[in-house]
PDB file of N, CA and C in Angstrom:
ATOM      1  N   MET A   1     113.817  96.847 137.155  1.00  0.00           N
ATOM      2  CA  MET A   1     112.390  97.105 137.097  1.00  0.00           C
ATOM      3  C   MET A   1     112.038  97.600 135.691  1.00  0.00           C
ATOM      4  N   VAL A   2     111.059  96.973 135.091  1.00  0.00           N
ATOM      5  CA  VAL A   2     110.623  97.350 133.748  1.00  0.00           C
ATOM      6  C   VAL A   2     109.451  98.313 133.864  1.00  0.00           C
ATOM      7  N   SER A   3     109.548  99.426 133.174  1.00  0.00           N
ATOM      8  CA  SER A   3     108.438 100.377 133.205  1.00  0.00           C
ATOM      9  C   SER A   3     107.670 100.297 131.892  1.00  0.00           C
ATOM     10  N   GLU A   4     106.377 100.377 131.992  1.00  0.00           N
ATOM     11  CA  GLU A   4     105.518 100.369 130.812  1.00  0.00           C
ATOM     12  C   GLU A   4     105.457 101.772 130.232  1.00  0.00           C
ATOM     13  N   ARG A   5     105.621 101.864 128.917  1.00  0.00           N
ATOM     14  CA  ARG A   5     105.488 103.160 128.254  1.00  0.00           C
ATOM     15  C   ARG A   5     104.021 103.370 127.925  1.00  0.00           C
ATOM     16  N   LYS A   6     103.581 104.597 128.072  1.00  0.00           N
ATOM     17  CA  LYS A   6     102.211 104.945 127.726  1.00  0.00           C
ATOM     18  C   LYS A   6     102.180 105.318 126.241  1.00  0.00           C
ATOM     19  N   PRO A   7     101.314 104.669 125.464  1.00  0.00           N
ATOM     20  CA  PRO A   7     101.218 105.010 124.039  1.00  0.00           C
ATOM     21  C   PRO A   7     100.906 106.488 123.846  1.00  0.00           C
ATOM     22  N   LEU A   8     101.466 107.065 122.798  1.00  0.00           N
ATOM     23  CA  LEU A   8     101.268 108.483 122.515  1.00  0.00           C
ATOM     24  C   LEU A   8      99.912 108.776 121.881  1.00  0.00           C
ATOM     25  N   PHE A   9      99.281 107.760 121.287  1.00  0.00           N
ATOM     26  CA  PHE A   9      97.995 107.933 120.613  1.00  0.00           C
ATOM     27  C   PHE A   9      97.347 106.566 120.448  1.00  0.00           C
ATOM     28  N   PRO A  10      96.009 106.537 120.273  1.00  0.00           N
ATOM     29  CA  PRO A  10      95.323 105.266 120.049  1.00  0.00           C
ATOM     30  C   PRO A  10      95.465 104.826 118.590  1.00  0.00           C
ATOM     31  N   LEU A  11      95.489 103.522 118.368  1.00  0.00           N
ATOM     32  CA  LEU A  11      95.628 102.987 117.016  1.00  0.00           C
ATOM     33  C   LEU A  11      94.299 102.852 116.276  1.00  0.00           C
ATOM     34  N   GLY A  12      93.199 102.749 116.992  1.00  0.00           N
ATOM     35  CA  GLY A  12      91.938 102.429 116.333  1.00  0.00           C
ATOM     36  C   GLY A  12      91.981 100.972 115.875  1.00  0.00           C
ATOM     37  N   GLN A  13      91.202 100.634 114.871  1.00  0.00           N
ATOM     38  CA  GLN A  13      91.208  99.275 114.330  1.00  0.00           C
ATOM     39  C   GLN A  13      92.518  99.060 113.567  1.00  0.00           C
ATOM     40  N   VAL A  14      93.201  97.962 113.834  1.00  0.00           N
ATOM     41  CA  VAL A  14      94.460  97.668 113.160  1.00  0.00           C
ATOM     42  C   VAL A  14      94.206  96.679 112.023  1.00  0.00           C
ATOM     43  N   VAL A  15      94.690  97.047 110.837  1.00  0.00           N
ATOM     44  CA  VAL A  15      94.574  96.187 109.661  1.00  0.00           C
ATOM     45  C   VAL A  15      95.921  96.154 108.951  1.00  0.00           C
ATOM     46  N   ALA A  16      96.108  95.141 108.118  1.00  0.00           N
ATOM     47  CA  ALA A  16      97.343  95.021 107.349  1.00  0.00           C
ATOM     48  C   ALA A  16      97.024  94.441 105.988  1.00  0.00           C
ATOM     49  N   THR A  17      97.764  94.882 105.002  1.00  0.00           N
ATOM     50  CA  THR A  17      97.579  94.349 103.657  1.00  0.00           C
ATOM     51  C   THR A  17      98.275  92.986 103.564  1.00  0.00           C
ATOM     52  N   PRO A  18      97.802  92.135 102.651  1.00  0.00           N
ATOM     53  CA  PRO A  18      98.466  90.839 102.463  1.00  0.00           C
ATOM     54  C   PRO A  18      99.956  91.000 102.119  1.00  0.00           C
ATOM     55  N   GLY A  19     100.280  92.011 101.320  1.00  0.00           N
ATOM     56  CA  GLY A  19     101.675  92.228 100.948  1.00  0.00           C
ATOM     57  C   GLY A  19     102.542  92.550 102.148  1.00  0.00           C
ATOM     58  N   ALA A  20     102.045  93.399 103.043  1.00  0.00           N
ATOM     59  CA  ALA A  20     102.801  93.746 104.246  1.00  0.00           C
ATOM     60  C   ALA A  20     102.974  92.524 105.142  1.00  0.00           C
ATOM     61  N   LEU A  21     101.912  91.762 105.313  1.00  0.00           N
ATOM     62  CA  LEU A  21     101.995  90.564 106.158  1.00  0.00           C
ATOM     63  C   LEU A  21     102.997  89.557 105.596  1.00  0.00           C
ATOM     64  N   GLU A  22     103.014  89.403 104.281  1.00  0.00           N
ATOM     65  CA  GLU A  22     103.952  88.475 103.647  1.00  0.00           C
ATOM     66  C   GLU A  22     105.397  88.919 103.881  1.00  0.00           C
ATOM     67  N   GLU A  23     105.666  90.210 103.704  1.00  0.00           N
ATOM     68  CA  GLU A  23     107.029  90.720 103.888  1.00  0.00           C
ATOM     69  C   GLU A  23     107.452  90.667 105.351  1.00  0.00           C
ATOM     70  N   LEU A  24     106.540  90.946 106.263  1.00  0.00           N
ATOM     71  CA  LEU A  24     106.858  90.840 107.689  1.00  0.00           C
ATOM     72  C   LEU A  24     107.198  89.398 108.051  1.00  0.00           C
ATOM     73  N   SER A  25     106.447  88.454 107.496  1.00  0.00           N
ATOM     74  CA  SER A  25     106.702  87.038 107.746  1.00  0.00           C
ATOM     75  C   SER A  25     108.081  86.631 107.222  1.00  0.00           C
ATOM     76  N   LYS A  26     108.411  87.062 106.010  1.00  0.00           N
ATOM     77  CA  LYS A  26     109.727  86.752 105.426  1.00  0.00           C
ATOM     78  C   LYS A  26     110.865  87.286 106.297  1.00  0.00           C
ATOM     79  N   ALA A  27     110.653  88.443 106.911  1.00  0.00           N
ATOM     80  CA  ALA A  27     111.679  89.077 107.746  1.00  0.00           C
ATOM     81  C   ALA A  27     111.611  88.620 109.205  1.00  0.00           C
ATOM     82  N   HIS A  28     110.648  87.752 109.517  1.00  0.00           N
ATOM     83  CA  HIS A  28     110.460  87.253 110.887  1.00  0.00           C
ATOM     84  C   HIS A  28     110.217  88.402 111.865  1.00  0.00           C
ATOM     85  N   VAL A  29     109.350  89.315 111.446  1.00  0.00           N
ATOM     86  CA  VAL A  29     108.976  90.462 112.281  1.00  0.00           C
ATOM     87  C   VAL A  29     107.473  90.381 112.552  1.00  0.00           C
ATOM     88  N   ALA A  30     107.099  90.473 113.818  1.00  0.00           N
ATOM     89  CA  ALA A  30     105.686  90.476 114.180  1.00  0.00           C
ATOM     90  C   ALA A  30     105.107  91.863 113.928  1.00  0.00           C
ATOM     91  N   PRO A  31     103.894  91.958 113.385  1.00  0.00           N
ATOM     92  CA  PRO A  31     103.276  93.275 113.202  1.00  0.00           C
ATOM     93  C   PRO A  31     103.259  94.087 114.502  1.00  0.00           C
ATOM     94  N   SER A  32     103.062  93.406 115.618  1.00  0.00           N
ATOM     95  CA  SER A  32     103.012  94.105 116.910  1.00  0.00           C
ATOM     96  C   SER A  32     104.322  94.819 117.234  1.00  0.00           C
ATOM     97  N   ASP A  33     105.445  94.311 116.717  1.00  0.00           N
ATOM     98  CA  ASP A  33     106.731  94.976 116.954  1.00  0.00           C
ATOM     99  C   ASP A  33     106.743  96.363 116.326  1.00  0.00           C
ATOM    100  N   LEU A  34     106.263  96.462 115.079  1.00  0.00           N
ATOM    101  CA  LEU A  34     106.222  97.761 114.413  1.00  0.00           C
ATOM    102  C   LEU A  34     105.165  98.663 115.040  1.00  0.00           C
ATOM    103  N   LEU A  35     104.033  98.091 115.414  1.00  0.00           N
ATOM    104  CA  LEU A  35     102.976  98.893 116.044  1.00  0.00           C
ATOM    105  C   LEU A  35     103.450  99.484 117.368  1.00  0.00           C
ATOM    106  N   ASP A  36     104.212  98.697 118.125  1.00  0.00           N
ATOM    107  CA  ASP A  36     104.737  99.195 119.400  1.00  0.00           C
ATOM    108  C   ASP A  36     105.686 100.367 119.175  1.00  0.00           C
ATOM    109  N   ARG A  37     106.557 100.250 118.186  1.00  0.00           N
ATOM    110  CA  ARG A  37     107.462 101.355 117.874  1.00  0.00           C
ATOM    111  C   ARG A  37     106.663 102.593 117.458  1.00  0.00           C
ATOM    112  N   HIS A  38     105.675 102.381 116.608  1.00  0.00           N
ATOM    113  CA  HIS A  38     104.843 103.458 116.054  1.00  0.00           C
ATOM    114  C   HIS A  38     104.144 104.250 117.165  1.00  0.00           C
ATOM    115  N   ILE A  39     103.447 103.562 118.063  1.00  0.00           N
ATOM    116  CA  ILE A  39     102.666 104.271 119.094  1.00  0.00           C
ATOM    117  C   ILE A  39     103.527 104.885 120.189  1.00  0.00           C
ATOM    118  N   ASN A  40     104.816 104.521 120.193  1.00  0.00           N
ATOM    119  CA  ASN A  40     105.721 105.084 121.196  1.00  0.00           C
ATOM    120  C   ASN A  40     106.659 106.138 120.620  1.00  0.00           C
ATOM    121  N   GLY A  41     106.369 106.591 119.380  1.00  0.00           N
ATOM    122  CA  GLY A  41     107.107 107.717 118.819  1.00  0.00           C
ATOM    123  C   GLY A  41     108.384 107.369 118.078  1.00  0.00           C
ATOM    124  N   ASP A  42     108.657 106.073 117.879  1.00  0.00           N
ATOM    125  CA  ASP A  42     109.783 105.674 117.031  1.00  0.00           C
ATOM    126  C   ASP A  42     109.197 105.495 115.634  1.00  0.00           C
ATOM    127  N   PHE A  43     109.296 106.547 114.838  1.00  0.00           N
ATOM    128  CA  PHE A  43     108.638 106.566 113.533  1.00  0.00           C
ATOM    129  C   PHE A  43     109.477 105.938 112.428  1.00  0.00           C
ATOM    130  N   GLY A  44     110.575 105.304 112.786  1.00  0.00           N
ATOM    131  CA  GLY A  44     111.373 104.581 111.810  1.00  0.00           C
ATOM    132  C   GLY A  44     112.603 105.336 111.368  1.00  0.00           C
ATOM    133  N   GLU A  45     113.424 104.623 110.645  1.00  0.00           N
ATOM    134  CA  GLU A  45     114.691 105.180 110.208  1.00  0.00           C
ATOM    135  C   GLU A  45     114.630 105.734 108.800  1.00  0.00           C
ATOM    136  N   SER A  46     113.497 105.596 108.127  1.00  0.00           N
ATOM    137  CA  SER A  46     113.448 106.054 106.744  1.00  0.00           C
ATOM    138  C   SER A  46     112.521 107.240 106.505  1.00  0.00           C
ATOM    139  N   LEU A  47     112.267 108.024 107.540  1.00  0.00           N
ATOM    140  CA  LEU A  47     111.485 109.247 107.356  1.00  0.00           C
ATOM    141  C   LEU A  47     112.422 110.446 107.300  1.00  0.00           C
ATOM    142  N   CYS A  48     112.082 111.400 106.462  1.00  0.00           N
ATOM    143  CA  CYS A  48     112.864 112.634 106.429  1.00  0.00           C
ATOM    144  C   CYS A  48     112.495 113.486 107.656  1.00  0.00           C
ATOM    145  N   ASP A  49     113.323 114.468 107.944  1.00  0.00           N
ATOM    146  CA  ASP A  49     113.092 115.333 109.109  1.00  0.00           C
ATOM    147  C   ASP A  49     111.732 116.019 109.045  1.00  0.00           C
ATOM    148  N   GLU A  50     111.315 116.397 107.838  1.00  0.00           N
ATOM    149  CA  GLU A  50     110.027 117.058 107.649  1.00  0.00           C
ATOM    150  C   GLU A  50     108.866 116.149 108.072  1.00  0.00           C
ATOM    151  N   ASP A  51     108.939 114.853 107.721  1.00  0.00           N
ATOM    152  CA  ASP A  51     107.891 113.903 108.100  1.00  0.00           C
ATOM    153  C   ASP A  51     107.879 113.653 109.604  1.00  0.00           C
ATOM    154  N   VAL A  52     109.053 113.599 110.206  1.00  0.00           N
ATOM    155  CA  VAL A  52     109.132 113.427 111.662  1.00  0.00           C
ATOM    156  C   VAL A  52     108.484 114.619 112.366  1.00  0.00           C
ATOM    157  N   GLU A  53     108.784 115.813 111.896  1.00  0.00           N
ATOM    158  CA  GLU A  53     108.175 117.017 112.478  1.00  0.00           C
ATOM    159  C   GLU A  53     106.658 117.018 112.272  1.00  0.00           C
ATOM    160  N   ALA A  54     106.208 116.575 111.098  1.00  0.00           N
ATOM    161  CA  ALA A  54     104.764 116.492 110.832  1.00  0.00           C
ATOM    162  C   ALA A  54     104.107 115.512 111.805  1.00  0.00           C
ATOM    163  N   ASN A  55     104.770 114.400 112.096  1.00  0.00           N
ATOM    164  CA  ASN A  55     104.223 113.444 113.063  1.00  0.00           C
ATOM    165  C   ASN A  55     104.129 114.056 114.450  1.00  0.00           C
ATOM    166  N   LYS A  56     105.150 114.791 114.841  1.00  0.00           N
ATOM    167  CA  LYS A  56     105.107 115.442 116.161  1.00  0.00           C
ATOM    168  C   LYS A  56     103.939 116.425 116.229  1.00  0.00           C
ATOM    169  N   GLN A  57     103.713 117.164 115.156  1.00  0.00           N
ATOM    170  CA  GLN A  57     102.579 118.088 115.100  1.00  0.00           C
ATOM    171  C   GLN A  57     101.260 117.315 115.137  1.00  0.00           C
ATOM    172  N   SER A  58     101.239 116.146 114.486  1.00  0.00           N
ATOM    173  CA  SER A  58     100.029 115.311 114.445  1.00  0.00           C
ATOM    174  C   SER A  58      99.601 114.853 115.830  1.00  0.00           C
ATOM    175  N   LEU A  59     100.575 114.688 116.724  1.00  0.00           N
ATOM    176  CA  LEU A  59     100.238 114.301 118.094  1.00  0.00           C
ATOM    177  C   LEU A  59      99.450 115.401 118.787  1.00  0.00           C
ATOM    178  N   GLN A  60      99.630 116.637 118.327  1.00  0.00           N
ATOM    179  CA  GLN A  60      98.910 117.771 118.903  1.00  0.00           C
ATOM    180  C   GLN A  60      97.581 118.045 118.187  1.00  0.00           C
ATOM    181  N   ASP A  61      97.596 117.974 116.860  1.00  0.00           N
ATOM    182  CA  ASP A  61      96.407 118.396 116.103  1.00  0.00           C
ATOM    183  C   ASP A  61      95.532 117.257 115.582  1.00  0.00           C
ATOM    184  N   GLY A  62      95.953 116.008 115.786  1.00  0.00           N
ATOM    185  CA  GLY A  62      95.117 114.879 115.397  1.00  0.00           C
ATOM    186  C   GLY A  62      95.203 114.464 113.939  1.00  0.00           C
ATOM    187  N   SER A  63      96.140 115.023 113.177  1.00  0.00           N
ATOM    188  CA  SER A  63      96.252 114.621 111.774  1.00  0.00           C
ATOM    189  C   SER A  63      96.942 113.251 111.654  1.00  0.00           C
ATOM    190  N   ARG A  64      97.050 112.768 110.437  1.00  0.00           N
ATOM    191  CA  ARG A  64      97.575 111.437 110.149  1.00  0.00           C
ATOM    192  C   ARG A  64      99.013 111.287 110.647  1.00  0.00           C
ATOM    193  N   ILE A  65      99.356 110.067 111.085  1.00  0.00           N
ATOM    194  CA  ILE A  65     100.701 109.757 111.557  1.00  0.00           C
ATOM    195  C   ILE A  65     101.271 108.643 110.682  1.00  0.00           C
ATOM    196  N   LEU A  66     102.477 108.865 110.165  1.00  0.00           N
ATOM    197  CA  LEU A  66     103.142 107.912 109.276  1.00  0.00           C
ATOM    198  C   LEU A  66     104.465 107.471 109.870  1.00  0.00           C
ATOM    199  N   SER A  67     104.675 106.154 109.895  1.00  0.00           N
ATOM    200  CA  SER A  67     105.978 105.594 110.239  1.00  0.00           C
ATOM    201  C   SER A  67     106.455 104.770 109.062  1.00  0.00           C
ATOM    202  N   SER A  68     107.757 104.671 108.916  1.00  0.00           N
ATOM    203  CA  SER A  68     108.344 103.912 107.815  1.00  0.00           C
ATOM    204  C   SER A  68     109.509 103.095 108.352  1.00  0.00           C
ATOM    205  N   TYR A  69     109.416 101.784 108.197  1.00  0.00           N
ATOM    206  CA  TYR A  69     110.431 100.884 108.731  1.00  0.00           C
ATOM    207  C   TYR A  69     111.022 100.038 107.613  1.00  0.00           C
ATOM    208  N   ARG A  70     112.342  99.914 107.602  1.00  0.00           N
ATOM    209  CA  ARG A  70     113.010  99.052 106.637  1.00  0.00           C
ATOM    210  C   ARG A  70     113.309  97.724 107.333  1.00  0.00           C
ATOM    211  N   LEU A  71     112.793  96.646 106.755  1.00  0.00           N
ATOM    212  CA  LEU A  71     112.999  95.316 107.310  1.00  0.00           C
ATOM    213  C   LEU A  71     114.405  94.819 106.980  1.00  0.00           C
ATOM    214  N   THR A  72     114.838  93.759 107.648  1.00  0.00           N
ATOM    215  CA  THR A  72     116.167  93.187 107.383  1.00  0.00           C
ATOM    216  C   THR A  72     116.279  92.667 105.954  1.00  0.00           C
ATOM    217  N   THR A  73     115.156  92.420 105.311  1.00  0.00           N
ATOM    218  CA  THR A  73     115.144  91.965 103.919  1.00  0.00           C
ATOM    219  C   THR A  73     115.323  93.129 102.945  1.00  0.00           C
ATOM    220  N   GLY A  74     115.334  94.362 103.470  1.00  0.00           N
ATOM    221  CA  GLY A  74     115.471  95.543 102.626  1.00  0.00           C
ATOM    222  C   GLY A  74     114.150  96.155 102.212  1.00  0.00           C
ATOM    223  N   VAL A  75     113.062  95.479 102.492  1.00  0.00           N
ATOM    224  CA  VAL A  75     111.729  95.966 102.126  1.00  0.00           C
ATOM    225  C   VAL A  75     111.269  97.001 103.148  1.00  0.00           C
ATOM    226  N   LYS A  76     110.611  98.033 102.648  1.00  0.00           N
ATOM    227  CA  LYS A  76     110.082  99.088 103.501  1.00  0.00           C
ATOM    228  C   LYS A  76     108.602  98.816 103.783  1.00  0.00           C
ATOM    229  N   VAL A  77     108.204  98.978 105.045  1.00  0.00           N
ATOM    230  CA  VAL A  77     106.809  98.841 105.460  1.00  0.00           C
ATOM    231  C   VAL A  77     106.384 100.144 106.115  1.00  0.00           C
ATOM    232  N   TRP A  78     105.231 100.615 105.694  1.00  0.00           N
ATOM    233  CA  TRP A  78     104.656 101.814 106.309  1.00  0.00           C
ATOM    234  C   TRP A  78     103.608 101.422 107.329  1.00  0.00           C
ATOM    235  N   VAL A  79     103.493 102.228 108.379  1.00  0.00           N
ATOM    236  CA  VAL A  79     102.397 102.133 109.351  1.00  0.00           C
ATOM    237  C   VAL A  79     101.745 103.504 109.357  1.00  0.00           C
ATOM    238  N   ILE A  80     100.466 103.542 109.023  1.00  0.00           N
ATOM    239  CA  ILE A  80      99.738 104.814 108.942  1.00  0.00           C
ATOM    240  C   ILE A  80      98.539 104.772 109.883  1.00  0.00           C
ATOM    241  N   THR A  81      98.492 105.730 110.796  1.00  0.00           N
ATOM    242  CA  THR A  81      97.318 105.901 111.659  1.00  0.00           C
ATOM    243  C   THR A  81      96.543 107.093 111.118  1.00  0.00           C
ATOM    244  N   GLU A  82      95.278 106.843 110.834  1.00  0.00           N
ATOM    245  CA  GLU A  82      94.420 107.866 110.227  1.00  0.00           C
ATOM    246  C   GLU A  82      94.212 109.047 111.174  1.00  0.00           C
ATOM    247  N   ALA A  83      93.841 110.158 110.593  1.00  0.00           N
ATOM    248  CA  ALA A  83      93.549 111.376 111.360  1.00  0.00           C
ATOM    249  C   ALA A  83      92.366 111.145 112.295  1.00  0.00           C
ATOM    250  N   ALA A  84      92.380 111.869 113.377  1.00  0.00           N
ATOM    251  CA  ALA A  84      91.292 111.779 114.349  1.00  0.00           C
ATOM    252  C   ALA A  84      90.017 112.395 113.770  1.00  0.00           C
ATOM    253  N   ASP A  85      88.883 111.822 114.181  1.00  0.00           N
ATOM    254  CA  ASP A  85      87.595 112.360 113.742  1.00  0.00           C
ATOM    255  C   ASP A  85      87.190 113.541 114.635  1.00  0.00           C
ATOM    256  N   ASP A  86      85.980 114.027 114.464  1.00  0.00           N
ATOM    257  CA  ASP A  86      85.505 115.185 115.223  1.00  0.00           C
ATOM    258  C   ASP A  86      85.449 114.928 116.730  1.00  0.00           C
ATOM    259  N   HIS A  87      85.498 113.645 117.115  1.00  0.00           N
ATOM    260  CA  HIS A  87      85.439 113.289 118.529  1.00  0.00           C
ATOM    261  C   HIS A  87      86.819 112.923 119.079  1.00  0.00           C
ATOM    262  N   GLY A  88      87.854 113.145 118.269  1.00  0.00           N
ATOM    263  CA  GLY A  88      89.208 112.860 118.708  1.00  0.00           C
ATOM    264  C   GLY A  88      89.621 111.409 118.597  1.00  0.00           C
ATOM    265  N   GLN A  89      88.795 110.589 117.948  1.00  0.00           N
ATOM    266  CA  GLN A  89      89.096 109.167 117.803  1.00  0.00           C
ATOM    267  C   GLN A  89      89.795 108.893 116.479  1.00  0.00           C
ATOM    268  N   ARG A  90      90.845 108.112 116.530  1.00  0.00           N
ATOM    269  CA  ARG A  90      91.540 107.696 115.308  1.00  0.00           C
ATOM    270  C   ARG A  90      90.925 106.361 114.885  1.00  0.00           C
ATOM    271  N   PRO A  91      90.303 106.320 113.686  1.00  0.00           N
ATOM    272  CA  PRO A  91      89.545 105.126 113.313  1.00  0.00           C
ATOM    273  C   PRO A  91      90.377 103.891 113.000  1.00  0.00           C
ATOM    274  N   ALA A  92      91.584 104.060 112.445  1.00  0.00           N
ATOM    275  CA  ALA A  92      92.310 102.871 112.000  1.00  0.00           C
ATOM    276  C   ALA A  92      93.797 103.133 111.845  1.00  0.00           C
ATOM    277  N   THR A  93      94.543 102.044 111.942  1.00  0.00           N
ATOM    278  CA  THR A  93      95.970 102.026 111.642  1.00  0.00           C
ATOM    279  C   THR A  93      96.198 100.891 110.663  1.00  0.00           C
ATOM    280  N   THR A  94      96.959 101.175 109.606  1.00  0.00           N
ATOM    281  CA  THR A  94      97.201 100.202 108.550  1.00  0.00           C
ATOM    282  C   THR A  94      98.681  99.958 108.363  1.00  0.00           C
ATOM    283  N   LEU A  95      99.063  98.693 108.279  1.00  0.00           N
ATOM    284  CA  LEU A  95     100.419  98.303 107.892  1.00  0.00           C
ATOM    285  C   LEU A  95     100.350  97.961 106.408  1.00  0.00           C
ATOM    286  N   LEU A  96     101.221  98.571 105.605  1.00  0.00           N
ATOM    287  CA  LEU A  96     101.185  98.355 104.163  1.00  0.00           C
ATOM    288  C   LEU A  96     102.540  98.622 103.545  1.00  0.00           C
ATOM    289  N   LEU A  97     102.705  98.164 102.325  1.00  0.00           N
ATOM    290  CA  LEU A  97     103.903  98.471 101.550  1.00  0.00           C
ATOM    291  C   LEU A  97     103.675  99.803 100.847  1.00  0.00           C
ATOM    292  N   PRO A  98     104.714 100.604 100.643  1.00  0.00           N
ATOM    293  CA  PRO A  98     104.529 101.876  99.942  1.00  0.00           C
ATOM    294  C   PRO A  98     103.850 101.710  98.583  1.00  0.00           C
ATOM    295  N   SER A  99     104.135 100.622  97.892  1.00  0.00           N
ATOM    296  CA  SER A  99     103.524 100.385  96.574  1.00  0.00           C
ATOM    297  C   SER A  99     102.027 100.123  96.672  1.00  0.00           C
ATOM    298  N   GLU A 100     101.531  99.837  97.849  1.00  0.00           N
ATOM    299  CA  GLU A 100     100.102  99.562  98.044  1.00  0.00           C
ATOM    300  C   GLU A 100      99.316 100.797  98.473  1.00  0.00           C
ATOM    301  N   TYR A 101      99.995 101.923  98.605  1.00  0.00           N
ATOM    302  CA  TYR A 101      99.332 103.140  99.070  1.00  0.00           C
ATOM    303  C   TYR A 101      98.418 103.707  98.021  1.00  0.00           C
TER     304      TYR A 101
END
């Protein structure tokens, strides 16, 4: 029996930079694969402990959430969900390369 995981936070509008989309395509990775990991608390293998702790705190206080994933091609892709607004809504999530930040 497969159980559905409940996302830890809403993504808002999802956007991606052309550079991120190109690198994901080269690595044969769907953007949805990284987004699924991101919203379920798998923040990637390239975050330091401090960033992981900041993300855990962000789930409580609504601040920005950052994930960092290294593709099989060696390229790193970030997924950033913006901080929640005054109504608790997160406006957007962006897939981008660190150099595009």
